[in-house]
Amino acid sequence: MATLTYVYADSTAVLGPLATYAEPHAYDLCSQHAESLTVPRGWEVLRLAMPTTPPQPGPDDLLALANAVREAASAAPEAPVRHNHAHMEPPAGTEGTRRAHLRILREPS
């Protein structure tokens, strides 16, 4: 995996290690696409040194995960949405089997 960024003013594409935070105009690429990257004519590609092993999760990653779980758990549950199913009735004269909110319609013979 690698992160691709552009420097338009210098006509340069920079391909480096996977970014640790989101940045505008930065694109994460899989290994296959990072290796086969081509740029427009006249542009230069700077390929930064890539780590041979993926980085291990650090304390900041674990804290961010724990905070996201806490935030999701403390969020108020949303009220269920009520739908008016009157418009979903089958046409008159068709036979079918009703199962909860789904209806199986038989093909006319």
PDB file of N, CA and C in Angstrom:
ATOM      1  N   MET A   1       0.849  -1.169   0.000  1.00  0.00           N
ATOM      2  CA  MET A   1       0.000   0.000   0.000  1.00  0.00           C
ATOM      3  C   MET A   1       0.894   1.232   0.000  1.00  0.00           C
ATOM      4  N   ALA A   2       0.409   2.269  -0.665  1.00  0.00           N
ATOM      5  CA  ALA A   2       1.156   3.514  -0.756  1.00  0.00           C
ATOM      6  C   ALA A   2       0.171   4.668  -0.862  1.00  0.00           C
ATOM      7  N   THR A   3       0.658   5.870  -0.600  1.00  0.00           N
ATOM      8  CA  THR A   3      -0.161   7.071  -0.734  1.00  0.00           C
ATOM      9  C   THR A   3       0.415   7.917  -1.856  1.00  0.00           C
ATOM     10  N   LEU A   4      -0.474   8.366  -2.739  1.00  0.00           N
ATOM     11  CA  LEU A   4      -0.089   9.188  -3.877  1.00  0.00           C
ATOM     12  C   LEU A   4      -0.562  10.612  -3.635  1.00  0.00           C
ATOM     13  N   THR A   5       0.336  11.569  -3.820  1.00  0.00           N
ATOM     14  CA  THR A   5      -0.025  12.989  -3.749  1.00  0.00           C
ATOM     15  C   THR A   5       0.553  13.675  -4.986  1.00  0.00           C
ATOM     16  N   TYR A   6      -0.017  14.817  -5.320  1.00  0.00           N
ATOM     17  CA  TYR A   6       0.424  15.577  -6.490  1.00  0.00           C
ATOM     18  C   TYR A   6       0.897  16.953  -6.077  1.00  0.00           C
ATOM     19  N   VAL A   7       1.905  17.456  -6.788  1.00  0.00           N
ATOM     20  CA  VAL A   7       2.323  18.848  -6.674  1.00  0.00           C
ATOM     21  C   VAL A   7       2.143  19.420  -8.082  1.00  0.00           C
ATOM     22  N   TYR A   8       0.967  20.002  -8.332  1.00  0.00           N
ATOM     23  CA  TYR A   8       0.632  20.464  -9.680  1.00  0.00           C
ATOM     24  C   TYR A   8       1.602  21.529 -10.189  1.00  0.00           C
ATOM     25  N   ALA A   9       1.999  22.440  -9.319  1.00  0.00           N
ATOM     26  CA  ALA A   9       2.886  23.529  -9.737  1.00  0.00           C
ATOM     27  C   ALA A   9       4.220  23.000 -10.263  1.00  0.00           C
ATOM     28  N   ASP A  10       4.676  21.872  -9.731  1.00  0.00           N
ATOM     29  CA  ASP A  10       5.957  21.294 -10.148  1.00  0.00           C
ATOM     30  C   ASP A  10       5.788  20.130 -11.118  1.00  0.00           C
ATOM     31  N   SER A  11       4.549  19.809 -11.513  1.00  0.00           N
ATOM     32  CA  SER A  11       4.265  18.653 -12.373  1.00  0.00           C
ATOM     33  C   SER A  11       4.922  17.395 -11.816  1.00  0.00           C
ATOM     34  N   THR A  12       4.665  17.151 -10.530  1.00  0.00           N
ATOM     35  CA  THR A  12       5.300  16.032  -9.838  1.00  0.00           C
ATOM     36  C   THR A  12       4.261  15.216  -9.091  1.00  0.00           C
ATOM     37  N   ALA A  13       4.387  13.898  -9.181  1.00  0.00           N
ATOM     38  CA  ALA A  13       3.581  12.977  -8.385  1.00  0.00           C
ATOM     39  C   ALA A  13       4.511  12.343  -7.364  1.00  0.00           C
ATOM     40  N   VAL A  14       4.069  12.274  -6.116  1.00  0.00           N
ATOM     41  CA  VAL A  14       4.878  11.711  -5.052  1.00  0.00           C
ATOM     42  C   VAL A  14       4.188  10.449  -4.555  1.00  0.00           C
ATOM     43  N   LEU A  15       4.901   9.332  -4.602  1.00  0.00           N
ATOM     44  CA  LEU A  15       4.395   8.050  -4.151  1.00  0.00           C
ATOM     45  C   LEU A  15       5.223   7.627  -2.949  1.00  0.00           C
ATOM     46  N   GLY A  16       4.573   7.505  -1.795  1.00  0.00           N
ATOM     47  CA  GLY A  16       5.305   7.193  -0.580  1.00  0.00           C
ATOM     48  C   GLY A  16       4.553   6.239   0.314  1.00  0.00           C
ATOM     49  N   PRO A  17       5.044   6.045   1.523  1.00  0.00           N
ATOM     50  CA  PRO A  17       4.385   5.138   2.473  1.00  0.00           C
ATOM     51  C   PRO A  17       2.951   5.566   2.747  1.00  0.00           C
ATOM     52  N   LEU A  18       2.149   4.630   3.170  1.00  0.00           N
ATOM     53  CA  LEU A  18       0.745   4.886   3.464  1.00  0.00           C
ATOM     54  C   LEU A  18       0.624   5.986   4.510  1.00  0.00           C
ATOM     55  N   ALA A  19      -0.196   6.985   4.210  1.00  0.00           N
ATOM     56  CA  ALA A  19      -0.380   8.121   5.116  1.00  0.00           C
ATOM     57  C   ALA A  19      -1.074   7.663   6.393  1.00  0.00           C
ATOM     58  N   THR A  20      -0.734   8.286   7.504  1.00  0.00           N
ATOM     59  CA  THR A  20      -1.339   7.929   8.786  1.00  0.00           C
ATOM     60  C   THR A  20      -2.564   8.776   9.105  1.00  0.00           C
ATOM     61  N   TYR A  21      -2.808   9.830   8.316  1.00  0.00           N
ATOM     62  CA  TYR A  21      -3.998  10.649   8.532  1.00  0.00           C
ATOM     63  C   TYR A  21      -4.519  11.121   7.174  1.00  0.00           C
ATOM     64  N   ALA A  22      -5.792  11.443   7.137  1.00  0.00           N
ATOM     65  CA  ALA A  22      -6.427  11.870   5.889  1.00  0.00           C
ATOM     66  C   ALA A  22      -5.951  13.261   5.503  1.00  0.00           C
ATOM     67  N   GLU A  23      -5.711  13.430   4.229  1.00  0.00           N
ATOM     68  CA  GLU A  23      -5.252  14.706   3.718  1.00  0.00           C
ATOM     69  C   GLU A  23      -5.946  14.950   2.374  1.00  0.00           C
ATOM     70  N   PRO A  24      -6.376  16.177   2.106  1.00  0.00           N
ATOM     71  CA  PRO A  24      -7.025  16.425   0.816  1.00  0.00           C
ATOM     72  C   PRO A  24      -6.061  16.143  -0.338  1.00  0.00           C
ATOM     73  N   HIS A  25      -6.578  15.606  -1.398  1.00  0.00           N
ATOM     74  CA  HIS A  25      -5.818  15.312  -2.611  1.00  0.00           C
ATOM     75  C   HIS A  25      -4.718  14.277  -2.392  1.00  0.00           C
ATOM     76  N   ALA A  26      -4.890  13.404  -1.424  1.00  0.00           N
ATOM     77  CA  ALA A  26      -3.982  12.263  -1.213  1.00  0.00           C
ATOM     78  C   ALA A  26      -4.804  11.008  -1.454  1.00  0.00           C
ATOM     79  N   TYR A  27      -4.228  10.081  -2.188  1.00  0.00           N
ATOM     80  CA  TYR A  27      -4.963   8.886  -2.580  1.00  0.00           C
ATOM     81  C   TYR A  27      -4.177   7.645  -2.178  1.00  0.00           C
ATOM     82  N   ASP A  28      -4.833   6.731  -1.484  1.00  0.00           N
ATOM     83  CA  ASP A  28      -4.202   5.475  -1.084  1.00  0.00           C
ATOM     84  C   ASP A  28      -4.339   4.477  -2.226  1.00  0.00           C
ATOM     85  N   LEU A  29      -3.240   3.806  -2.553  1.00  0.00           N
ATOM     86  CA  LEU A  29      -3.209   2.833  -3.639  1.00  0.00           C
ATOM     87  C   LEU A  29      -2.794   1.471  -3.116  1.00  0.00           C
ATOM     88  N   CYS A  30      -3.329   0.417  -3.715  1.00  0.00           N
ATOM     89  CA  CYS A  30      -2.880  -0.930  -3.374  1.00  0.00           C
ATOM     90  C   CYS A  30      -1.497  -1.122  -3.994  1.00  0.00           C
ATOM     91  N   SER A  31      -0.816  -2.197  -3.620  1.00  0.00           N
ATOM     92  CA  SER A  31       0.545  -2.443  -4.101  1.00  0.00           C
ATOM     93  C   SER A  31       0.600  -2.550  -5.618  1.00  0.00           C
ATOM     94  N   GLN A  32      -0.367  -3.249  -6.208  1.00  0.00           N
ATOM     95  CA  GLN A  32      -0.372  -3.440  -7.659  1.00  0.00           C
ATOM     96  C   GLN A  32      -0.458  -2.099  -8.394  1.00  0.00           C
ATOM     97  N   HIS A  33      -1.361  -1.222  -7.955  1.00  0.00           N
ATOM     98  CA  HIS A  33      -1.506   0.066  -8.617  1.00  0.00           C
ATOM     99  C   HIS A  33      -0.340   1.002  -8.306  1.00  0.00           C
ATOM    100  N   ALA A  34       0.245   0.892  -7.132  1.00  0.00           N
ATOM    101  CA  ALA A  34       1.405   1.722  -6.801  1.00  0.00           C
ATOM    102  C   ALA A  34       2.594   1.358  -7.693  1.00  0.00           C
ATOM    103  N   GLU A  35       2.771   0.061  -7.976  1.00  0.00           N
ATOM    104  CA  GLU A  35       3.893  -0.380  -8.814  1.00  0.00           C
ATOM    105  C   GLU A  35       3.695   0.003 -10.282  1.00  0.00           C
ATOM    106  N   SER A  36       2.446   0.006 -10.755  1.00  0.00           N
ATOM    107  CA  SER A  36       2.193   0.268 -12.172  1.00  0.00           C
ATOM    108  C   SER A  36       1.782   1.712 -12.450  1.00  0.00           C
ATOM    109  N   LEU A  37       2.010   2.612 -11.516  1.00  0.00           N
ATOM    110  CA  LEU A  37       1.611   4.013 -11.651  1.00  0.00           C
ATOM    111  C   LEU A  37       2.310   4.674 -12.842  1.00  0.00           C
ATOM    112  N   THR A  38       1.533   5.356 -13.656  1.00  0.00           N
ATOM    113  CA  THR A  38       2.080   6.196 -14.723  1.00  0.00           C
ATOM    114  C   THR A  38       1.520   7.600 -14.539  1.00  0.00           C
ATOM    115  N   VAL A  39       2.264   8.582 -15.022  1.00  0.00           N
ATOM    116  CA  VAL A  39       1.850   9.980 -14.885  1.00  0.00           C
ATOM    117  C   VAL A  39       1.793  10.620 -16.266  1.00  0.00           C
ATOM    118  N   PRO A  40       1.160  11.781 -16.374  1.00  0.00           N
ATOM    119  CA  PRO A  40       1.097  12.452 -17.678  1.00  0.00           C
ATOM    120  C   PRO A  40       2.491  12.786 -18.218  1.00  0.00           C
ATOM    121  N   ARG A  41       2.572  12.898 -19.529  1.00  0.00           N
ATOM    122  CA  ARG A  41       3.835  13.244 -20.184  1.00  0.00           C
ATOM    123  C   ARG A  41       4.339  14.579 -19.632  1.00  0.00           C
ATOM    124  N   GLY A  42       5.614  14.619 -19.301  1.00  0.00           N
ATOM    125  CA  GLY A  42       6.215  15.836 -18.768  1.00  0.00           C
ATOM    126  C   GLY A  42       6.220  15.894 -17.245  1.00  0.00           C
ATOM    127  N   TRP A  43       5.531  14.956 -16.602  1.00  0.00           N
ATOM    128  CA  TRP A  43       5.513  14.907 -15.140  1.00  0.00           C
ATOM    129  C   TRP A  43       6.636  14.006 -14.647  1.00  0.00           C
ATOM    130  N   GLU A  44       7.007  14.213 -13.393  1.00  0.00           N
ATOM    131  CA  GLU A  44       8.037  13.397 -12.746  1.00  0.00           C
ATOM    132  C   GLU A  44       7.394  12.631 -11.592  1.00  0.00           C
ATOM    133  N   VAL A  45       7.861  11.409 -11.363  1.00  0.00           N
ATOM    134  CA  VAL A  45       7.377  10.604 -10.236  1.00  0.00           C
ATOM    135  C   VAL A  45       8.498  10.490  -9.213  1.00  0.00           C
ATOM    136  N   LEU A  46       8.221  10.909  -7.997  1.00  0.00           N
ATOM    137  CA  LEU A  46       9.163  10.703  -6.891  1.00  0.00           C
ATOM    138  C   LEU A  46       8.663   9.515  -6.089  1.00  0.00           C
ATOM    139  N   ARG A  47       9.440   8.451  -6.062  1.00  0.00           N
ATOM    140  CA  ARG A  47       9.073   7.255  -5.298  1.00  0.00           C
ATOM    141  C   ARG A  47       9.902   7.249  -4.021  1.00  0.00           C
ATOM    142  N   LEU A  48       9.248   7.485  -2.908  1.00  0.00           N
ATOM    143  CA  LEU A  48       9.926   7.494  -1.611  1.00  0.00           C
ATOM    144  C   LEU A  48      10.144   6.071  -1.138  1.00  0.00           C
ATOM    145  N   ALA A  49      11.095   5.880  -0.244  1.00  0.00           N
ATOM    146  CA  ALA A  49      11.393   4.551   0.289  1.00  0.00           C
ATOM    147  C   ALA A  49      10.166   3.996   0.999  1.00  0.00           C
ATOM    148  N   MET A  50       9.834   2.759   0.670  1.00  0.00           N
ATOM    149  CA  MET A  50       8.671   2.091   1.245  1.00  0.00           C
ATOM    150  C   MET A  50       9.134   1.104   2.308  1.00  0.00           C
ATOM    151  N   PRO A  51       8.433   1.021   3.454  1.00  0.00           N
ATOM    152  CA  PRO A  51       8.803   0.039   4.465  1.00  0.00           C
ATOM    153  C   PRO A  51       8.557  -1.376   3.943  1.00  0.00           C
ATOM    154  N   THR A  52       9.404  -2.313   4.367  1.00  0.00           N
ATOM    155  CA  THR A  52       9.259  -3.695   3.907  1.00  0.00           C
ATOM    156  C   THR A  52       8.190  -4.445   4.683  1.00  0.00           C
ATOM    157  N   THR A  53       7.895  -4.005   5.895  1.00  0.00           N
ATOM    158  CA  THR A  53       6.837  -4.639   6.688  1.00  0.00           C
ATOM    159  C   THR A  53       5.805  -3.591   7.056  1.00  0.00           C
ATOM    160  N   PRO A  54       4.537  -3.979   7.119  1.00  0.00           N
ATOM    161  CA  PRO A  54       3.517  -2.995   7.501  1.00  0.00           C
ATOM    162  C   PRO A  54       3.720  -2.536   8.941  1.00  0.00           C
ATOM    163  N   PRO A  55       3.422  -1.270   9.231  1.00  0.00           N
ATOM    164  CA  PRO A  55       3.604  -0.767  10.595  1.00  0.00           C
ATOM    165  C   PRO A  55       2.616  -1.438  11.558  1.00  0.00           C
ATOM    166  N   GLN A  56       3.070  -1.674  12.757  1.00  0.00           N
ATOM    167  CA  GLN A  56       2.226  -2.253  13.796  1.00  0.00           C
ATOM    168  C   GLN A  56       1.373  -1.146  14.416  1.00  0.00           C
ATOM    169  N   PRO A  57       0.168  -1.492  14.888  1.00  0.00           N
ATOM    170  CA  PRO A  57      -0.659  -0.466  15.525  1.00  0.00           C
ATOM    171  C   PRO A  57       0.048   0.118  16.752  1.00  0.00           C
ATOM    172  N   GLY A  58      -0.011   1.400  16.862  1.00  0.00           N
ATOM    173  CA  GLY A  58       0.607   2.068  17.996  1.00  0.00           C
ATOM    174  C   GLY A  58      -0.439   2.484  19.014  1.00  0.00           C
ATOM    175  N   PRO A  59      -0.010   3.123  20.111  1.00  0.00           N
ATOM    176  CA  PRO A  59      -0.954   3.541  21.148  1.00  0.00           C
ATOM    177  C   PRO A  59      -1.985   4.543  20.626  1.00  0.00           C
ATOM    178  N   ASP A  60      -1.592   5.396  19.686  1.00  0.00           N
ATOM    179  CA  ASP A  60      -2.549   6.360  19.138  1.00  0.00           C
ATOM    180  C   ASP A  60      -3.656   5.657  18.367  1.00  0.00           C
ATOM    181  N   ASP A  61      -3.304   4.591  17.623  1.00  0.00           N
ATOM    182  CA  ASP A  61      -4.306   3.834  16.875  1.00  0.00           C
ATOM    183  C   ASP A  61      -5.296   3.169  17.822  1.00  0.00           C
ATOM    184  N   LEU A  62      -4.797   2.590  18.889  1.00  0.00           N
ATOM    185  CA  LEU A  62      -5.666   1.912  19.849  1.00  0.00           C
ATOM    186  C   LEU A  62      -6.568   2.909  20.575  1.00  0.00           C
ATOM    187  N   LEU A  63      -6.035   4.087  20.905  1.00  0.00           N
ATOM    188  CA  LEU A  63      -6.852   5.123  21.551  1.00  0.00           C
ATOM    189  C   LEU A  63      -7.948   5.610  20.605  1.00  0.00           C
ATOM    190  N   ALA A  64      -7.620   5.803  19.336  1.00  0.00           N
ATOM    191  CA  ALA A  64      -8.623   6.248  18.375  1.00  0.00           C
ATOM    192  C   ALA A  64      -9.729   5.208  18.233  1.00  0.00           C
ATOM    193  N   LEU A  65      -9.365   3.929  18.209  1.00  0.00           N
ATOM    194  CA  LEU A  65     -10.358   2.868  18.117  1.00  0.00           C
ATOM    195  C   LEU A  65     -11.242   2.837  19.361  1.00  0.00           C
ATOM    196  N   ALA A  66     -10.635   2.947  20.543  1.00  0.00           N
ATOM    197  CA  ALA A  66     -11.405   2.938  21.789  1.00  0.00           C
ATOM    198  C   ALA A  66     -12.355   4.134  21.842  1.00  0.00           C
ATOM    199  N   ASN A  67     -11.894   5.305  21.413  1.00  0.00           N
ATOM    200  CA  ASN A  67     -12.750   6.494  21.418  1.00  0.00           C
ATOM    201  C   ASN A  67     -13.915   6.345  20.446  1.00  0.00           C
ATOM    202  N   ALA A  68     -13.674   5.745  19.285  1.00  0.00           N
ATOM    203  CA  ALA A  68     -14.747   5.538  18.316  1.00  0.00           C
ATOM    204  C   ALA A  68     -15.793   4.582  18.863  1.00  0.00           C
ATOM    205  N   VAL A  69     -15.358   3.530  19.564  1.00  0.00           N
ATOM    206  CA  VAL A  69     -16.302   2.574  20.150  1.00  0.00           C
ATOM    207  C   VAL A  69     -17.116   3.252  21.246  1.00  0.00           C
ATOM    208  N   ARG A  70     -16.469   4.038  22.094  1.00  0.00           N
ATOM    209  CA  ARG A  70     -17.182   4.762  23.151  1.00  0.00           C
ATOM    210  C   ARG A  70     -18.213   5.717  22.559  1.00  0.00           C
ATOM    211  N   GLU A  71     -17.823   6.424  21.519  1.00  0.00           N
ATOM    212  CA  GLU A  71     -18.731   7.387  20.898  1.00  0.00           C
ATOM    213  C   GLU A  71     -19.943   6.683  20.288  1.00  0.00           C
ATOM    214  N   ALA A  72     -19.712   5.562  19.642  1.00  0.00           N
ATOM    215  CA  ALA A  72     -20.819   4.813  19.041  1.00  0.00           C
ATOM    216  C   ALA A  72     -21.743   4.252  20.118  1.00  0.00           C
ATOM    217  N   ALA A  73     -21.187   3.816  21.229  1.00  0.00           N
ATOM    218  CA  ALA A  73     -21.998   3.242  22.302  1.00  0.00           C
ATOM    219  C   ALA A  73     -22.817   4.309  23.022  1.00  0.00           C
ATOM    220  N   SER A  74     -22.298   5.525  23.104  1.00  0.00           N
ATOM    221  CA  SER A  74     -23.012   6.569  23.840  1.00  0.00           C
ATOM    222  C   SER A  74     -24.024   7.307  22.969  1.00  0.00           C
ATOM    223  N   ALA A  75     -24.019   7.075  21.669  1.00  0.00           N
ATOM    224  CA  ALA A  75     -24.969   7.748  20.777  1.00  0.00           C
ATOM    225  C   ALA A  75     -26.375   7.252  21.081  1.00  0.00           C
ATOM    226  N   ALA A  76     -27.321   8.175  21.069  1.00  0.00           N
ATOM    227  CA  ALA A  76     -28.717   7.822  21.341  1.00  0.00           C
ATOM    228  C   ALA A  76     -29.250   6.979  20.197  1.00  0.00           C
ATOM    229  N   PRO A  77     -29.949   5.898  20.512  1.00  0.00           N
ATOM    230  CA  PRO A  77     -30.507   5.084  19.425  1.00  0.00           C
ATOM    231  C   PRO A  77     -31.592   5.867  18.692  1.00  0.00           C
ATOM    232  N   GLU A  78     -31.626   5.688  17.383  1.00  0.00           N
ATOM    233  CA  GLU A  78     -32.624   6.385  16.575  1.00  0.00           C
ATOM    234  C   GLU A  78     -33.952   5.669  16.676  1.00  0.00           C
ATOM    235  N   ALA A  79     -35.035   6.468  16.614  1.00  0.00           N
ATOM    236  CA  ALA A  79     -36.377   5.882  16.635  1.00  0.00           C
ATOM    237  C   ALA A  79     -36.602   5.120  15.337  1.00  0.00           C
ATOM    238  N   PRO A  80     -37.272   3.983  15.411  1.00  0.00           N
ATOM    239  CA  PRO A  80     -37.516   3.236  14.179  1.00  0.00           C
ATOM    240  C   PRO A  80     -38.402   4.040  13.229  1.00  0.00           C
ATOM    241  N   VAL A  81     -38.136   3.910  11.953  1.00  0.00           N
ATOM    242  CA  VAL A  81     -38.890   4.628  10.936  1.00  0.00           C
ATOM    243  C   VAL A  81     -40.151   3.841  10.631  1.00  0.00           C
ATOM    244  N   ARG A  82     -41.276   4.536  10.647  1.00  0.00           N
ATOM    245  CA  ARG A  82     -42.562   3.906  10.334  1.00  0.00           C
ATOM    246  C   ARG A  82     -42.874   4.167   8.866  1.00  0.00           C
ATOM    247  N   HIS A  83     -43.197   3.105   8.140  1.00  0.00           N
ATOM    248  CA  HIS A  83     -43.532   3.237   6.727  1.00  0.00           C
ATOM    249  C   HIS A  83     -45.015   2.975   6.530  1.00  0.00           C
ATOM    250  N   ASN A  84     -45.601   3.689   5.587  1.00  0.00           N
ATOM    251  CA  ASN A  84     -46.971   3.445   5.206  1.00  0.00           C
ATOM    252  C   ASN A  84     -46.938   2.436   4.063  1.00  0.00           C
ATOM    253  N   HIS A  85     -47.387   1.213   4.336  1.00  0.00           N
ATOM    254  CA  HIS A  85     -47.315   0.149   3.347  1.00  0.00           C
ATOM    255  C   HIS A  85     -48.561   0.072   2.464  1.00  0.00           C
ATOM    256  N   ALA A  86     -49.465   1.049   2.568  1.00  0.00           N
ATOM    257  CA  ALA A  86     -50.691   1.007   1.769  1.00  0.00           C
ATOM    258  C   ALA A  86     -50.366   1.042   0.277  1.00  0.00           C
ATOM    259  N   HIS A  87     -49.330   1.775  -0.103  1.00  0.00           N
ATOM    260  CA  HIS A  87     -48.982   1.874  -1.513  1.00  0.00           C
ATOM    261  C   HIS A  87     -48.299   0.611  -2.031  1.00  0.00           C
ATOM    262  N   MET A  88     -48.039  -0.355  -1.175  1.00  0.00           N
ATOM    263  CA  MET A  88     -47.346  -1.573  -1.571  1.00  0.00           C
ATOM    264  C   MET A  88     -48.296  -2.752  -1.783  1.00  0.00           C
ATOM    265  N   GLU A  89     -49.568  -2.509  -1.742  1.00  0.00           N
ATOM    266  CA  GLU A  89     -50.537  -3.590  -1.929  1.00  0.00           C
ATOM    267  C   GLU A  89     -50.474  -4.104  -3.358  1.00  0.00           C
ATOM    268  N   PRO A  90     -50.663  -5.418  -3.557  1.00  0.00           N
ATOM    269  CA  PRO A  90     -50.618  -5.963  -4.915  1.00  0.00           C
ATOM    270  C   PRO A  90     -51.855  -5.537  -5.700  1.00  0.00           C
ATOM    271  N   PRO A  91     -51.778  -5.587  -7.022  1.00  0.00           N
ATOM    272  CA  PRO A  91     -52.936  -5.237  -7.834  1.00  0.00           C
ATOM    273  C   PRO A  91     -54.101  -6.174  -7.545  1.00  0.00           C
ATOM    274  N   ALA A  92     -55.319  -5.677  -7.725  1.00  0.00           N
ATOM    275  CA  ALA A  92     -56.512  -6.489  -7.468  1.00  0.00           C
ATOM    276  C   ALA A  92     -56.529  -7.704  -8.383  1.00  0.00           C
ATOM    277  N   GLY A  93     -56.931  -8.837  -7.848  1.00  0.00           N
ATOM    278  CA  GLY A  93     -57.037 -10.048  -8.639  1.00  0.00           C
ATOM    279  C   GLY A  93     -55.782 -10.896  -8.650  1.00  0.00           C
ATOM    280  N   THR A  94     -54.690 -10.448  -8.005  1.00  0.00           N
ATOM    281  CA  THR A  94     -53.487 -11.283  -7.955  1.00  0.00           C
ATOM    282  C   THR A  94     -53.473 -12.013  -6.634  1.00  0.00           C
ATOM    283  N   GLU A  95     -53.059 -13.251  -6.687  1.00  0.00           N
ATOM    284  CA  GLU A  95     -52.976 -14.049  -5.467  1.00  0.00           C
ATOM    285  C   GLU A  95     -51.527 -14.093  -5.025  1.00  0.00           C
ATOM    286  N   GLY A  96     -51.325 -14.123  -3.740  1.00  0.00           N
ATOM    287  CA  GLY A  96     -49.963 -14.215  -3.238  1.00  0.00           C
ATOM    288  C   GLY A  96     -49.961 -14.625  -1.791  1.00  0.00           C
ATOM    289  N   THR A  97     -48.795 -14.912  -1.291  1.00  0.00           N
ATOM    290  CA  THR A  97     -48.614 -15.278   0.102  1.00  0.00           C
ATOM    291  C   THR A  97     -47.941 -14.108   0.790  1.00  0.00           C
ATOM    292  N   ARG A  98     -48.512 -13.655   1.886  1.00  0.00           N
ATOM    293  CA  ARG A  98     -47.946 -12.515   2.604  1.00  0.00           C
ATOM    294  C   ARG A  98     -47.065 -13.023   3.730  1.00  0.00           C
ATOM    295  N   ARG A  99     -45.821 -12.519   3.786  1.00  0.00           N
ATOM    296  CA  ARG A  99     -44.875 -12.855   4.849  1.00  0.00           C
ATOM    297  C   ARG A  99     -44.308 -11.550   5.383  1.00  0.00           C
ATOM    298  N   ALA A 100     -44.743 -11.172   6.563  1.00  0.00           N
ATOM    299  CA  ALA A 100     -44.332  -9.909   7.188  1.00  0.00           C
ATOM    300  C   ALA A 100     -44.555  -8.773   6.195  1.00  0.00           C
ATOM    301  N   HIS A 101     -43.510  -8.045   5.822  1.00  0.00           N
ATOM    302  CA  HIS A 101     -43.689  -6.924   4.902  1.00  0.00           C
ATOM    303  C   HIS A 101     -43.418  -7.316   3.448  1.00  0.00           C
ATOM    304  N   LEU A 102     -43.058  -8.582   3.211  1.00  0.00           N
ATOM    305  CA  LEU A 102     -42.803  -9.037   1.848  1.00  0.00           C
ATOM    306  C   LEU A 102     -44.008  -9.809   1.328  1.00  0.00           C
ATOM    307  N   ARG A 103     -44.179  -9.813   0.041  1.00  0.00           N
ATOM    308  CA  ARG A 103     -45.287 -10.531  -0.566  1.00  0.00           C
ATOM    309  C   ARG A 103     -44.746 -11.296  -1.763  1.00  0.00           C
ATOM    310  N   ILE A 104     -45.057 -12.577  -1.860  1.00  0.00           N
ATOM    311  CA  ILE A 104     -44.667 -13.404  -2.988  1.00  0.00           C
ATOM    312  C   ILE A 104     -45.838 -13.440  -3.949  1.00  0.00           C
ATOM    313  N   LEU A 105     -45.626 -12.976  -5.173  1.00  0.00           N
ATOM    314  CA  LEU A 105     -46.682 -12.974  -6.171  1.00  0.00           C
ATOM    315  C   LEU A 105     -46.491 -14.165  -7.091  1.00  0.00           C
ATOM    316  N   ARG A 106     -47.567 -14.864  -7.323  1.00  0.00           N
ATOM    317  CA  ARG A 106     -47.532 -16.008  -8.219  1.00  0.00           C
ATOM    318  C   ARG A 106     -47.750 -15.527  -9.645  1.00  0.00           C
ATOM    319  N   GLU A 107     -47.090 -16.185 -10.603  1.00  0.00           N
ATOM    320  CA  GLU A 107     -47.273 -15.840 -12.009  1.00  0.00           C
ATOM    321  C   GLU A 107     -48.645 -16.284 -12.469  1.00  0.00           C
ATOM    322  N   PRO A 108     -49.335 -15.460 -13.242  1.00  0.00           N
ATOM    323  CA  PRO A 108     -50.648 -15.874 -13.743  1.00  0.00           C
ATOM    324  C   PRO A 108     -50.491 -17.055 -14.698  1.00  0.00           C
ATOM    325  N   SER A 109     -51.419 -18.033 -14.609  1.00  0.00           N
ATOM    326  CA  SER A 109     -51.288 -19.212 -15.471  1.00  0.00           C
ATOM    327  C   SER A 109     -51.944 -18.989 -16.800  1.00  0.00           C
TER     328      SER A 109
END
